[in-house]
Amino acid sequence: MNTEGVVALLDACVLFPTPLRDFLLSLAEYLLFQPRWTQRIQEEWVRNVLRTRPDLTQEQLLRTVRMMDTAFPDARVSNYERHMAEFSLPDKKDHHVLAAAIEAKAQVIVTCNIKDFPPHVLAPWNIRALHPDMFAVWLWEREGPELFCEAVA
């Protein structure tokens, strides 16, 4: 399979909406890409969901985090902080995302905040930021519709 080697760092903003998280993880389950995230990214999306969804509990969301970590045991990136001094992004709050992508040797950062990851900053590590819609199109074009549609179904 051509895309098994694709490593994508998933930003908190794409893990926050349940349908988008489920969609991306379904694609990963079918080996269309290898997902990566950090504990900090997991904590960020959980915190934001709790802020906007008072009907959910922290334990429910932490159960989801545990299930994600179990389903994708290689997804959790650690020891990425050492890269944070190697670059400058428009928003310092995003430094941990690029640092984790560098540590994970990711080719892609999947994020809704494309402007926060300028191509000239990502270029030295051969990383590009893609909106989840464009990431899905990119995977579709690389793999073809059969496996992609099977994963979505």
Foldseek 3Di string as FASTA:
>chain_A
DVQLAAEEEEALQQCQDPVSVLLVVLCVLLSLHQYAYEPVRLVVSLVVNVVVPVVDDSVVSVVVVVVVCVSRVVRYFPPLVVCLVVFDWPDSVCSSRLSSCLRVLHQEYADPCQNRPDPVRNVVSNHHYDHSVVVLVVSCVRPPDPSSVVSND
